[in-house]
Amino acid sequence: MLFKQVLKWIRDINLLLKVKNHSPRTLGTILLTCRLASILVRKKHILLLRWSRPPLGYFILNTDGASLPQGAVGGGVIRNDNGDLVATFHSFYEIGTNNLAEIHALLDGLSLSLSPT
């Protein structure tokens, strides 16, 4: 889908470029026309992760953060030793990097964990 959108965009901005949707040389033609070199991308090994329950009587905090030019967001979940959901949270952090959003989410989760119920 994205590939076809890129081809459409290239056709729209450069009428001299003759691109056929099903041509196996389409990407090479585009790169050549734009004077770009192709690069090899190394495949990464897939690492399977699975969630582990915390020890008996403990809780686990999972957080994540992300950013866009419009702002940074983060959130997370807290689960007990049975894997039951105890709390969820999310926040908008204004402008910032994804690392800053992840740190804020971690701090929010720790703050939530320490607050009395």
PDB file of N, CA and C in Angstrom:
ATOM      1  N   MET A   1       0.829  -1.189   0.000  1.00  0.00           N
ATOM      2  CA  MET A   1       0.000   0.000   0.000  1.00  0.00           C
ATOM      3  C   MET A   1       0.874   1.254   0.000  1.00  0.00           C
ATOM      4  N   LEU A   2       1.831   1.323   0.915  1.00  0.00           N
ATOM      5  CA  LEU A   2       2.714   2.473   0.993  1.00  0.00           C
ATOM      6  C   LEU A   2       3.539   2.605  -0.283  1.00  0.00           C
ATOM      7  N   PHE A   3       4.002   1.458  -0.826  1.00  0.00           N
ATOM      8  CA  PHE A   3       4.782   1.468  -2.052  1.00  0.00           C
ATOM      9  C   PHE A   3       3.991   2.108  -3.190  1.00  0.00           C
ATOM     10  N   LYS A   4       2.704   1.748  -3.308  1.00  0.00           N
ATOM     11  CA  LYS A   4       1.867   2.322  -4.368  1.00  0.00           C
ATOM     12  C   LYS A   4       1.636   3.816  -4.143  1.00  0.00           C
ATOM     13  N   GLN A   5       1.535   4.241  -2.884  1.00  0.00           N
ATOM     14  CA  GLN A   5       1.367   5.660  -2.595  1.00  0.00           C
ATOM     15  C   GLN A   5       2.618   6.438  -2.999  1.00  0.00           C
ATOM     16  N   VAL A   6       3.783   5.860  -2.744  1.00  0.00           N
ATOM     17  CA  VAL A   6       5.034   6.507  -3.133  1.00  0.00           C
ATOM     18  C   VAL A   6       5.114   6.608  -4.650  1.00  0.00           C
ATOM     19  N   LEU A   7       4.753   5.525  -5.342  1.00  0.00           N
ATOM     20  CA  LEU A   7       4.765   5.556  -6.810  1.00  0.00           C
ATOM     21  C   LEU A   7       3.821   6.627  -7.347  1.00  0.00           C
ATOM     22  N   LYS A   8       2.649   6.748  -6.748  1.00  0.00           N
ATOM     23  CA  LYS A   8       1.688   7.762  -7.179  1.00  0.00           C
ATOM     24  C   LYS A   8       2.264   9.159  -6.944  1.00  0.00           C
ATOM     25  N   TRP A   9       2.888   9.365  -5.801  1.00  0.00           N
ATOM     26  CA  TRP A   9       3.487  10.656  -5.487  1.00  0.00           C
ATOM     27  C   TRP A   9       4.577  10.995  -6.497  1.00  0.00           C
ATOM     28  N   ILE A  10       5.407  10.015  -6.841  1.00  0.00           N
ATOM     29  CA  ILE A  10       6.482  10.256  -7.802  1.00  0.00           C
ATOM     30  C   ILE A  10       5.905  10.567  -9.177  1.00  0.00           C
ATOM     31  N   ARG A  11       4.859   9.830  -9.583  1.00  0.00           N
ATOM     32  CA  ARG A  11       4.221  10.109 -10.864  1.00  0.00           C
ATOM     33  C   ARG A  11       3.644  11.517 -10.891  1.00  0.00           C
ATOM     34  N   ASP A  12       3.040  11.926  -9.774  1.00  0.00           N
ATOM     35  CA  ASP A  12       2.416  13.251  -9.714  1.00  0.00           C
ATOM     36  C   ASP A  12       3.439  14.371  -9.808  1.00  0.00           C
ATOM     37  N   ILE A  13       4.624  14.192  -9.199  1.00  0.00           N
ATOM     38  CA  ILE A  13       5.597  15.279  -9.205  1.00  0.00           C
ATOM     39  C   ILE A  13       6.565  15.221 -10.377  1.00  0.00           C
ATOM     40  N   ASN A  14       6.644  14.090 -11.046  1.00  0.00           N
ATOM     41  CA  ASN A  14       7.591  13.981 -12.141  1.00  0.00           C
ATOM     42  C   ASN A  14       6.939  13.229 -13.296  1.00  0.00           C
ATOM     43  N   LEU A  15       6.321  13.970 -14.198  1.00  0.00           N
ATOM     44  CA  LEU A  15       5.617  13.350 -15.312  1.00  0.00           C
ATOM     45  C   LEU A  15       6.562  12.681 -16.300  1.00  0.00           C
ATOM     46  N   LEU A  16       7.847  13.016 -16.265  1.00  0.00           N
ATOM     47  CA  LEU A  16       8.812  12.398 -17.167  1.00  0.00           C
ATOM     48  C   LEU A  16       9.152  10.964 -16.763  1.00  0.00           C
ATOM     49  N   LEU A  17       8.893  10.630 -15.514  1.00  0.00           N
ATOM     50  CA  LEU A  17       9.230   9.296 -15.018  1.00  0.00           C
ATOM     51  C   LEU A  17       8.095   8.336 -15.375  1.00  0.00           C
ATOM     52  N   LYS A  18       8.405   7.357 -16.180  1.00  0.00           N
ATOM     53  CA  LYS A  18       7.408   6.371 -16.584  1.00  0.00           C
ATOM     54  C   LYS A  18       7.504   5.177 -15.636  1.00  0.00           C
ATOM     55  N   VAL A  19       6.531   5.025 -14.776  1.00  0.00           N
ATOM     56  CA  VAL A  19       6.548   3.952 -13.784  1.00  0.00           C
ATOM     57  C   VAL A  19       5.305   3.090 -13.972  1.00  0.00           C
ATOM     58  N   LYS A  20       5.510   1.804 -14.054  1.00  0.00           N
ATOM     59  CA  LYS A  20       4.400   0.865 -14.132  1.00  0.00           C
ATOM     60  C   LYS A  20       4.275   0.194 -12.773  1.00  0.00           C
ATOM     61  N   ASN A  21       3.040   0.052 -12.294  1.00  0.00           N
ATOM     62  CA  ASN A  21       2.811  -0.506 -10.957  1.00  0.00           C
ATOM     63  C   ASN A  21       3.405  -1.893 -10.762  1.00  0.00           C
ATOM     64  N   HIS A  22       3.425  -2.711 -11.780  1.00  0.00           N
ATOM     65  CA  HIS A  22       3.844  -4.102 -11.622  1.00  0.00           C
ATOM     66  C   HIS A  22       5.235  -4.380 -12.185  1.00  0.00           C
ATOM     67  N   SER A  23       5.973  -3.340 -12.486  1.00  0.00           N
ATOM     68  CA  SER A  23       7.301  -3.521 -13.044  1.00  0.00           C
ATOM     69  C   SER A  23       8.286  -3.938 -11.955  1.00  0.00           C
ATOM     70  N   PRO A  24       9.036  -5.026 -12.142  1.00  0.00           N
ATOM     71  CA  PRO A  24      10.005  -5.439 -11.131  1.00  0.00           C
ATOM     72  C   PRO A  24      11.181  -4.476 -11.027  1.00  0.00           C
ATOM     73  N   ARG A  25      11.383  -3.645 -12.032  1.00  0.00           N
ATOM     74  CA  ARG A  25      12.495  -2.695 -12.009  1.00  0.00           C
ATOM     75  C   ARG A  25      12.053  -1.312 -11.545  1.00  0.00           C
ATOM     76  N   THR A  26      10.846  -1.196 -11.013  1.00  0.00           N
ATOM     77  CA  THR A  26      10.305   0.107 -10.640  1.00  0.00           C
ATOM     78  C   THR A  26      11.185   0.810  -9.624  1.00  0.00           C
ATOM     79  N   LEU A  27      11.546   0.141  -8.559  1.00  0.00           N
ATOM     80  CA  LEU A  27      12.349   0.771  -7.525  1.00  0.00           C
ATOM     81  C   LEU A  27      13.707   1.184  -8.075  1.00  0.00           C
ATOM     82  N   GLY A  28      14.320   0.326  -8.877  1.00  0.00           N
ATOM     83  CA  GLY A  28      15.604   0.673  -9.491  1.00  0.00           C
ATOM     84  C   GLY A  28      15.485   1.879 -10.393  1.00  0.00           C
ATOM     85  N   THR A  29      14.400   1.970 -11.152  1.00  0.00           N
ATOM     86  CA  THR A  29      14.158   3.109 -12.038  1.00  0.00           C
ATOM     87  C   THR A  29      14.011   4.393 -11.236  1.00  0.00           C
ATOM     88  N   ILE A  30      13.279   4.306 -10.138  1.00  0.00           N
ATOM     89  CA  ILE A  30      13.075   5.481  -9.289  1.00  0.00           C
ATOM     90  C   ILE A  30      14.407   5.934  -8.702  1.00  0.00           C
ATOM     91  N   LEU A  31      15.160   4.989  -8.180  1.00  0.00           N
ATOM     92  CA  LEU A  31      16.457   5.340  -7.587  1.00  0.00           C
ATOM     93  C   LEU A  31      17.391   5.952  -8.620  1.00  0.00           C
ATOM     94  N   LEU A  32      17.421   5.363  -9.808  1.00  0.00           N
ATOM     95  CA  LEU A  32      18.278   5.870 -10.874  1.00  0.00           C
ATOM     96  C   LEU A  32      17.850   7.277 -11.288  1.00  0.00           C
ATOM     97  N   THR A  33      16.554   7.482 -11.456  1.00  0.00           N
ATOM     98  CA  THR A  33      16.035   8.781 -11.862  1.00  0.00           C
ATOM     99  C   THR A  33      16.319   9.847 -10.812  1.00  0.00           C
ATOM    100  N   CYS A  34      16.224   9.479  -9.550  1.00  0.00           N
ATOM    101  CA  CYS A  34      16.469  10.431  -8.458  1.00  0.00           C
ATOM    102  C   CYS A  34      17.946  10.522  -8.087  1.00  0.00           C
ATOM    103  N   ARG A  35      18.787   9.785  -8.841  1.00  0.00           N
ATOM    104  CA  ARG A  35      20.236   9.741  -8.588  1.00  0.00           C
ATOM    105  C   ARG A  35      20.551   9.293  -7.161  1.00  0.00           C
ATOM    106  N   LEU A  36      19.854   8.252  -6.737  1.00  0.00           N
ATOM    107  CA  LEU A  36      20.072   7.668  -5.418  1.00  0.00           C
ATOM    108  C   LEU A  36      20.654   6.276  -5.573  1.00  0.00           C
ATOM    109  N   ALA A  37      21.489   5.894  -4.636  1.00  0.00           N
ATOM    110  CA  ALA A  37      22.065   4.551  -4.656  1.00  0.00           C
ATOM    111  C   ALA A  37      21.251   3.648  -3.738  1.00  0.00           C
ATOM    112  N   SER A  38      21.112   2.409  -4.126  1.00  0.00           N
ATOM    113  CA  SER A  38      20.430   1.461  -3.246  1.00  0.00           C
ATOM    114  C   SER A  38      21.419   0.989  -2.190  1.00  0.00           C
ATOM    115  N   ILE A  39      20.909   0.735  -1.016  1.00  0.00           N
ATOM    116  CA  ILE A  39      21.765   0.232   0.056  1.00  0.00           C
ATOM    117  C   ILE A  39      21.185  -1.073   0.572  1.00  0.00           C
ATOM    118  N   LEU A  40      22.063  -1.935   1.003  1.00  0.00           N
ATOM    119  CA  LEU A  40      21.614  -3.188   1.581  1.00  0.00           C
ATOM    120  C   LEU A  40      21.237  -2.969   3.041  1.00  0.00           C
ATOM    121  N   VAL A  41      20.141  -3.557   3.432  1.00  0.00           N
ATOM    122  CA  VAL A  41      19.680  -3.456   4.811  1.00  0.00           C
ATOM    123  C   VAL A  41      19.856  -4.812   5.457  1.00  0.00           C
ATOM    124  N   ARG A  42      20.564  -4.828   6.580  1.00  0.00           N
ATOM    125  CA  ARG A  42      20.758  -6.089   7.283  1.00  0.00           C
ATOM    126  C   ARG A  42      19.461  -6.511   7.961  1.00  0.00           C
ATOM    127  N   LYS A  43      19.162  -7.775   7.866  1.00  0.00           N
ATOM    128  CA  LYS A  43      17.999  -8.300   8.567  1.00  0.00           C
ATOM    129  C   LYS A  43      18.359  -8.470  10.033  1.00  0.00           C
ATOM    130  N   LYS A  44      17.442  -8.078  10.888  1.00  0.00           N
ATOM    131  CA  LYS A  44      17.645  -8.266  12.321  1.00  0.00           C
ATOM    132  C   LYS A  44      17.003  -9.590  12.724  1.00  0.00           C
ATOM    133  N   HIS A  45      17.637 -10.231  13.664  1.00  0.00           N
ATOM    134  CA  HIS A  45      17.052 -11.457  14.191  1.00  0.00           C
ATOM    135  C   HIS A  45      15.859 -11.089  15.065  1.00  0.00           C
ATOM    136  N   ILE A  46      14.810 -11.864  14.934  1.00  0.00           N
ATOM    137  CA  ILE A  46      13.618 -11.621  15.725  1.00  0.00           C
ATOM    138  C   ILE A  46      13.860 -12.147  17.129  1.00  0.00           C
ATOM    139  N   LEU A  47      13.600 -11.296  18.101  1.00  0.00           N
ATOM    140  CA  LEU A  47      13.756 -11.667  19.493  1.00  0.00           C
ATOM    141  C   LEU A  47      12.368 -11.748  20.110  1.00  0.00           C
ATOM    142  N   LEU A  48      11.981 -12.927  20.487  1.00  0.00           N
ATOM    143  CA  LEU A  48      10.669 -13.106  21.095  1.00  0.00           C
ATOM    144  C   LEU A  48      10.757 -12.801  22.576  1.00  0.00           C
ATOM    145  N   LEU A  49       9.924 -11.900  23.014  1.00  0.00           N
ATOM    146  CA  LEU A  49       9.845 -11.551  24.418  1.00  0.00           C
ATOM    147  C   LEU A  49       8.477 -11.936  24.934  1.00  0.00           C
ATOM    148  N   ARG A  50       8.437 -12.289  26.187  1.00  0.00           N
ATOM    149  CA  ARG A  50       7.125 -12.538  26.758  1.00  0.00           C
ATOM    150  C   ARG A  50       7.093 -11.932  28.140  1.00  0.00           C
ATOM    151  N   TRP A  51       5.928 -11.527  28.529  1.00  0.00           N
ATOM    152  CA  TRP A  51       5.735 -10.888  29.809  1.00  0.00           C
ATOM    153  C   TRP A  51       5.878 -11.931  30.908  1.00  0.00           C
ATOM    154  N   SER A  52       6.575 -11.571  31.963  1.00  0.00           N
ATOM    155  CA  SER A  52       6.756 -12.471  33.096  1.00  0.00           C
ATOM    156  C   SER A  52       6.047 -11.902  34.316  1.00  0.00           C
ATOM    157  N   ARG A  53       5.423 -12.769  35.060  1.00  0.00           N
ATOM    158  CA  ARG A  53       4.771 -12.332  36.294  1.00  0.00           C
ATOM    159  C   ARG A  53       5.823 -11.988  37.337  1.00  0.00           C
ATOM    160  N   PRO A  54       5.525 -10.976  38.149  1.00  0.00           N
ATOM    161  CA  PRO A  54       6.459 -10.657  39.227  1.00  0.00           C
ATOM    162  C   PRO A  54       6.368 -11.716  40.327  1.00  0.00           C
ATOM    163  N   PRO A  55       7.332 -11.733  41.246  1.00  0.00           N
ATOM    164  CA  PRO A  55       7.271 -12.685  42.356  1.00  0.00           C
ATOM    165  C   PRO A  55       6.016 -12.465  43.212  1.00  0.00           C
ATOM    166  N   LEU A  56       5.632 -13.456  43.940  1.00  0.00           N
ATOM    167  CA  LEU A  56       4.451 -13.415  44.804  1.00  0.00           C
ATOM    168  C   LEU A  56       4.516 -12.206  45.734  1.00  0.00           C
ATOM    169  N   GLY A  57       3.438 -11.436  45.758  1.00  0.00           N
ATOM    170  CA  GLY A  57       3.360 -10.265  46.623  1.00  0.00           C
ATOM    171  C   GLY A  57       3.913  -8.987  46.007  1.00  0.00           C
ATOM    172  N   TYR A  58       4.418  -9.050  44.782  1.00  0.00           N
ATOM    173  CA  TYR A  58       4.983  -7.876  44.105  1.00  0.00           C
ATOM    174  C   TYR A  58       4.090  -7.442  42.954  1.00  0.00           C
ATOM    175  N   PHE A  59       4.371  -6.239  42.445  1.00  0.00           N
ATOM    176  CA  PHE A  59       3.677  -5.696  41.287  1.00  0.00           C
ATOM    177  C   PHE A  59       4.714  -5.437  40.203  1.00  0.00           C
ATOM    178  N   ILE A  60       4.243  -5.310  38.948  1.00  0.00           N
ATOM    179  CA  ILE A  60       5.144  -4.979  37.854  1.00  0.00           C
ATOM    180  C   ILE A  60       4.587  -3.752  37.130  1.00  0.00           C
ATOM    181  N   LEU A  61       5.485  -2.865  36.768  1.00  0.00           N
ATOM    182  CA  LEU A  61       5.138  -1.623  36.077  1.00  0.00           C
ATOM    183  C   LEU A  61       5.728  -1.677  34.675  1.00  0.00           C
ATOM    184  N   ASN A  62       4.890  -1.573  33.663  1.00  0.00           N
ATOM    185  CA  ASN A  62       5.332  -1.505  32.271  1.00  0.00           C
ATOM    186  C   ASN A  62       4.967  -0.130  31.736  1.00  0.00           C
ATOM    187  N   THR A  63       5.947   0.574  31.149  1.00  0.00           N
ATOM    188  CA  THR A  63       5.718   1.924  30.628  1.00  0.00           C
ATOM    189  C   THR A  63       6.259   2.037  29.209  1.00  0.00           C
ATOM    190  N   ASP A  64       5.807   3.065  28.506  1.00  0.00           N
ATOM    191  CA  ASP A  64       6.320   3.377  27.182  1.00  0.00           C
ATOM    192  C   ASP A  64       6.046   4.846  26.903  1.00  0.00           C
ATOM    193  N   GLY A  65       6.833   5.418  26.015  1.00  0.00           N
ATOM    194  CA  GLY A  65       6.648   6.807  25.622  1.00  0.00           C
ATOM    195  C   GLY A  65       6.959   6.967  24.151  1.00  0.00           C
ATOM    196  N   ALA A  66       6.420   8.014  23.566  1.00  0.00           N
ATOM    197  CA  ALA A  66       6.636   8.286  22.140  1.00  0.00           C
ATOM    198  C   ALA A  66       6.511   9.789  21.914  1.00  0.00           C
ATOM    199  N   SER A  67       7.090  10.254  20.807  1.00  0.00           N
ATOM    200  CA  SER A  67       6.977  11.683  20.511  1.00  0.00           C
ATOM    201  C   SER A  67       6.793  11.913  19.023  1.00  0.00           C
ATOM    202  N   LEU A  68       6.136  13.005  18.734  1.00  0.00           N
ATOM    203  CA  LEU A  68       5.946  13.528  17.387  1.00  0.00           C
ATOM    204  C   LEU A  68       6.198  15.026  17.472  1.00  0.00           C
ATOM    205  N   PRO A  69       6.271  15.714  16.349  1.00  0.00           N
ATOM    206  CA  PRO A  69       6.436  17.173  16.431  1.00  0.00           C
ATOM    207  C   PRO A  69       5.312  17.857  17.225  1.00  0.00           C
ATOM    208  N   GLN A  70       4.133  17.246  17.281  1.00  0.00           N
ATOM    209  CA  GLN A  70       3.006  17.843  17.992  1.00  0.00           C
ATOM    210  C   GLN A  70       3.130  17.698  19.505  1.00  0.00           C
ATOM    211  N   GLY A  71       3.983  16.792  19.981  1.00  0.00           N
ATOM    212  CA  GLY A  71       4.147  16.613  21.413  1.00  0.00           C
ATOM    213  C   GLY A  71       4.533  15.194  21.759  1.00  0.00           C
ATOM    214  N   ALA A  72       4.809  14.994  23.039  1.00  0.00           N
ATOM    215  CA  ALA A  72       5.217  13.681  23.535  1.00  0.00           C
ATOM    216  C   ALA A  72       4.126  13.115  24.437  1.00  0.00           C
ATOM    217  N   VAL A  73       3.987  11.804  24.408  1.00  0.00           N
ATOM    218  CA  VAL A  73       2.995  11.120  25.233  1.00  0.00           C
ATOM    219  C   VAL A  73       3.639   9.891  25.861  1.00  0.00           C
ATOM    220  N   GLY A  74       3.038   9.449  26.951  1.00  0.00           N
ATOM    221  CA  GLY A  74       3.532   8.236  27.594  1.00  0.00           C
ATOM    222  C   GLY A  74       2.450   7.658  28.475  1.00  0.00           C
ATOM    223  N   GLY A  75       2.676   6.433  28.885  1.00  0.00           N
ATOM    224  CA  GLY A  75       1.707   5.786  29.750  1.00  0.00           C
ATOM    225  C   GLY A  75       2.217   4.426  30.170  1.00  0.00           C
ATOM    226  N   GLY A  76       1.331   3.698  30.832  1.00  0.00           N
ATOM    227  CA  GLY A  76       1.741   2.378  31.260  1.00  0.00           C
ATOM    228  C   GLY A  76       0.647   1.639  31.992  1.00  0.00           C
ATOM    229  N   VAL A  77       1.015   0.467  32.490  1.00  0.00           N
ATOM    230  CA  VAL A  77       0.107  -0.391  33.245  1.00  0.00           C
ATOM    231  C   VAL A  77       0.848  -0.948  34.456  1.00  0.00           C
ATOM    232  N   ILE A  78       0.076  -1.238  35.494  1.00  0.00           N
ATOM    233  CA  ILE A  78       0.594  -1.917  36.677  1.00  0.00           C
ATOM    234  C   ILE A  78      -0.213  -3.187  36.847  1.00  0.00           C
ATOM    235  N   ARG A  79       0.479  -4.309  37.016  1.00  0.00           N
ATOM    236  CA  ARG A  79      -0.170  -5.609  37.194  1.00  0.00           C
ATOM    237  C   ARG A  79       0.345  -6.266  38.466  1.00  0.00           C
ATOM    238  N   ASN A  80      -0.509  -7.104  39.069  1.00  0.00           N
ATOM    239  CA  ASN A  80      -0.105  -7.817  40.273  1.00  0.00           C
ATOM    240  C   ASN A  80       0.537  -9.157  39.923  1.00  0.00           C
ATOM    241  N   ASP A  81       0.842  -9.955  40.949  1.00  0.00           N
ATOM    242  CA  ASP A  81       1.539 -11.220  40.716  1.00  0.00           C
ATOM    243  C   ASP A  81       0.687 -12.279  40.021  1.00  0.00           C
ATOM    244  N   ASN A  82      -0.625 -12.031  39.889  1.00  0.00           N
ATOM    245  CA  ASN A  82      -1.490 -12.928  39.106  1.00  0.00           C
ATOM    246  C   ASN A  82      -1.610 -12.478  37.661  1.00  0.00           C
ATOM    247  N   GLY A  83      -1.025 -11.326  37.359  1.00  0.00           N
ATOM    248  CA  GLY A  83      -1.147 -10.765  36.015  1.00  0.00           C
ATOM    249  C   GLY A  83      -2.380  -9.908  35.860  1.00  0.00           C
ATOM    250  N   ASP A  84      -3.121  -9.692  36.959  1.00  0.00           N
ATOM    251  CA  ASP A  84      -4.336  -8.875  36.914  1.00  0.00           C
ATOM    252  C   ASP A  84      -3.973  -7.402  36.802  1.00  0.00           C
ATOM    253  N   LEU A  85      -4.739  -6.670  36.014  1.00  0.00           N
ATOM    254  CA  LEU A  85      -4.534  -5.245  35.825  1.00  0.00           C
ATOM    255  C   LEU A  85      -4.933  -4.506  37.095  1.00  0.00           C
ATOM    256  N   VAL A  86      -4.021  -3.718  37.643  1.00  0.00           N
ATOM    257  CA  VAL A  86      -4.281  -2.953  38.865  1.00  0.00           C
ATOM    258  C   VAL A  86      -4.554  -1.492  38.522  1.00  0.00           C
ATOM    259  N   ALA A  87      -3.771  -0.924  37.598  1.00  0.00           N
ATOM    260  CA  ALA A  87      -3.935   0.483  37.222  1.00  0.00           C
ATOM    261  C   ALA A  87      -3.381   0.717  35.812  1.00  0.00           C
ATOM    262  N   THR A  88      -3.942   1.716  35.156  1.00  0.00           N
ATOM    263  CA  THR A  88      -3.425   2.182  33.863  1.00  0.00           C
ATOM    264  C   THR A  88      -3.311   3.699  33.936  1.00  0.00           C
ATOM    265  N   PHE A  89      -2.440   4.268  33.124  1.00  0.00           N
ATOM    266  CA  PHE A  89      -2.283   5.712  33.112  1.00  0.00           C
ATOM    267  C   PHE A  89      -1.699   6.151  31.771  1.00  0.00           C
ATOM    268  N   HIS A  90      -1.930   7.423  31.445  1.00  0.00           N
ATOM    269  CA  HIS A  90      -1.333   8.027  30.249  1.00  0.00           C
ATOM    270  C   HIS A  90      -1.303   9.534  30.446  1.00  0.00           C
ATOM    271  N   SER A  91      -0.363  10.188  29.799  1.00  0.00           N
ATOM    272  CA  SER A  91      -0.226  11.642  29.918  1.00  0.00           C
ATOM    273  C   SER A  91       0.332  12.238  28.632  1.00  0.00           C
ATOM    274  N   PHE A  92       0.015  13.502  28.419  1.00  0.00           N
ATOM    275  CA  PHE A  92       0.589  14.289  27.335  1.00  0.00           C
ATOM    276  C   PHE A  92       1.669  15.163  27.955  1.00  0.00           C
ATOM    277  N   TYR A  93       2.881  15.134  27.408  1.00  0.00           N
ATOM    278  CA  TYR A  93       4.017  15.823  28.015  1.00  0.00           C
ATOM    279  C   TYR A  93       4.511  17.030  27.224  1.00  0.00           C
ATOM    280  N   GLU A  94       3.669  17.606  26.404  1.00  0.00           N
ATOM    281  CA  GLU A  94       4.089  18.747  25.586  1.00  0.00           C
ATOM    282  C   GLU A  94       5.189  18.322  24.619  1.00  0.00           C
ATOM    283  N   ILE A  95       6.094  19.226  24.286  1.00  0.00           N
ATOM    284  CA  ILE A  95       7.151  18.952  23.324  1.00  0.00           C
ATOM    285  C   ILE A  95       8.302  18.232  24.027  1.00  0.00           C
ATOM    286  N   GLY A  96       8.843  17.219  23.390  1.00  0.00           N
ATOM    287  CA  GLY A  96       9.973  16.496  23.959  1.00  0.00           C
ATOM    288  C   GLY A  96      10.330  15.308  23.087  1.00  0.00           C
ATOM    289  N   THR A  97      11.423  14.666  23.421  1.00  0.00           N
ATOM    290  CA  THR A  97      11.879  13.496  22.676  1.00  0.00           C
ATOM    291  C   THR A  97      11.182  12.249  23.190  1.00  0.00           C
ATOM    292  N   ASN A  98      11.337  11.151  22.461  1.00  0.00           N
ATOM    293  CA  ASN A  98      10.738   9.904  22.912  1.00  0.00           C
ATOM    294  C   ASN A  98      11.395   9.425  24.212  1.00  0.00           C
ATOM    295  N   ASN A  99      12.703   9.667  24.364  1.00  0.00           N
ATOM    296  CA  ASN A  99      13.374   9.279  25.606  1.00  0.00           C
ATOM    297  C   ASN A  99      12.821  10.053  26.795  1.00  0.00           C
ATOM    298  N   LEU A 100      12.592  11.339  26.608  1.00  0.00           N
ATOM    299  CA  LEU A 100      12.020  12.158  27.668  1.00  0.00           C
ATOM    300  C   LEU A 100      10.611  11.667  28.011  1.00  0.00           C
ATOM    301  N   ALA A 101       9.825  11.314  26.998  1.00  0.00           N
ATOM    302  CA  ALA A 101       8.475  10.804  27.230  1.00  0.00           C
ATOM    303  C   ALA A 101       8.524   9.484  28.001  1.00  0.00           C
ATOM    304  N   GLU A 102       9.478   8.619  27.682  1.00  0.00           N
ATOM    305  CA  GLU A 102       9.593   7.346  28.392  1.00  0.00           C
ATOM    306  C   GLU A 102      10.007   7.562  29.845  1.00  0.00           C
ATOM    307  N   ILE A 103      10.891   8.522  30.092  1.00  0.00           N
ATOM    308  CA  ILE A 103      11.291   8.824  31.465  1.00  0.00           C
ATOM    309  C   ILE A 103      10.113   9.388  32.257  1.00  0.00           C
ATOM    310  N   HIS A 104       9.366  10.302  31.639  1.00  0.00           N
ATOM    311  CA  HIS A 104       8.182  10.849  32.306  1.00  0.00           C
ATOM    312  C   HIS A 104       7.168   9.756  32.620  1.00  0.00           C
ATOM    313  N   ALA A 105       6.945   8.841  31.685  1.00  0.00           N
ATOM    314  CA  ALA A 105       5.995   7.747  31.916  1.00  0.00           C
ATOM    315  C   ALA A 105       6.462   6.875  33.075  1.00  0.00           C
ATOM    316  N   LEU A 106       7.759   6.602  33.130  1.00  0.00           N
ATOM    317  CA  LEU A 106       8.299   5.808  34.239  1.00  0.00           C
ATOM    318  C   LEU A 106       8.087   6.534  35.566  1.00  0.00           C
ATOM    319  N   LEU A 107       8.385   7.832  35.606  1.00  0.00           N
ATOM    320  CA  LEU A 107       8.180   8.604  36.832  1.00  0.00           C
ATOM    321  C   LEU A 107       6.704   8.659  37.225  1.00  0.00           C
ATOM    322  N   ASP A 108       5.813   8.819  36.245  1.00  0.00           N
ATOM    323  CA  ASP A 108       4.371   8.808  36.533  1.00  0.00           C
ATOM    324  C   ASP A 108       3.941   7.462  37.113  1.00  0.00           C
ATOM    325  N   GLY A 109       4.455   6.386  36.541  1.00  0.00           N
ATOM    326  CA  GLY A 109       4.115   5.054  37.038  1.00  0.00           C
ATOM    327  C   GLY A 109       4.622   4.813  38.446  1.00  0.00           C
ATOM    328  N   LEU A 110       5.851   5.250  38.724  1.00  0.00           N
ATOM    329  CA  LEU A 110       6.399   5.107  40.076  1.00  0.00           C
ATOM    330  C   LEU A 110       5.618   5.954  41.070  1.00  0.00           C
ATOM    331  N   SER A 111       5.242   7.162  40.666  1.00  0.00           N
ATOM    332  CA  SER A 111       4.449   8.044  41.525  1.00  0.00           C
ATOM    333  C   SER A 111       3.094   7.401  41.828  1.00  0.00           C
ATOM    334  N   LEU A 112       2.463   6.825  40.811  1.00  0.00           N
ATOM    335  CA  LEU A 112       1.189   6.140  40.991  1.00  0.00           C
ATOM    336  C   LEU A 112       1.338   4.928  41.913  1.00  0.00           C
ATOM    337  N   SER A 113       2.450   4.249  41.799  1.00  0.00           N
ATOM    338  CA  SER A 113       2.703   3.069  42.628  1.00  0.00           C
ATOM    339  C   SER A 113       2.880   3.435  44.095  1.00  0.00           C
ATOM    340  N   LEU A 114       3.435   4.614  44.346  1.00  0.00           N
ATOM    341  CA  LEU A 114       3.695   5.028  45.716  1.00  0.00           C
ATOM    342  C   LEU A 114       2.507   5.709  46.386  1.00  0.00           C
ATOM    343  N   SER A 115       1.538   6.151  45.575  1.00  0.00           N
ATOM    344  CA  SER A 115       0.393   6.867  46.157  1.00  0.00           C
ATOM    345  C   SER A 115      -0.527   5.883  46.878  1.00  0.00           C
ATOM    346  N   PRO A 116      -1.122   6.311  48.001  1.00  0.00           N
ATOM    347  CA  PRO A 116      -2.023   5.413  48.747  1.00  0.00           C
ATOM    348  C   PRO A 116      -3.293   5.129  47.961  1.00  0.00           C
ATOM    349  N   THR A 117      -3.849   3.951  48.138  1.00  0.00           N
ATOM    350  CA  THR A 117      -5.070   3.574  47.403  1.00  0.00           C
ATOM    351  C   THR A 117      -6.312   3.938  48.139  1.00  0.00           C
TER     352      THR A 117
END
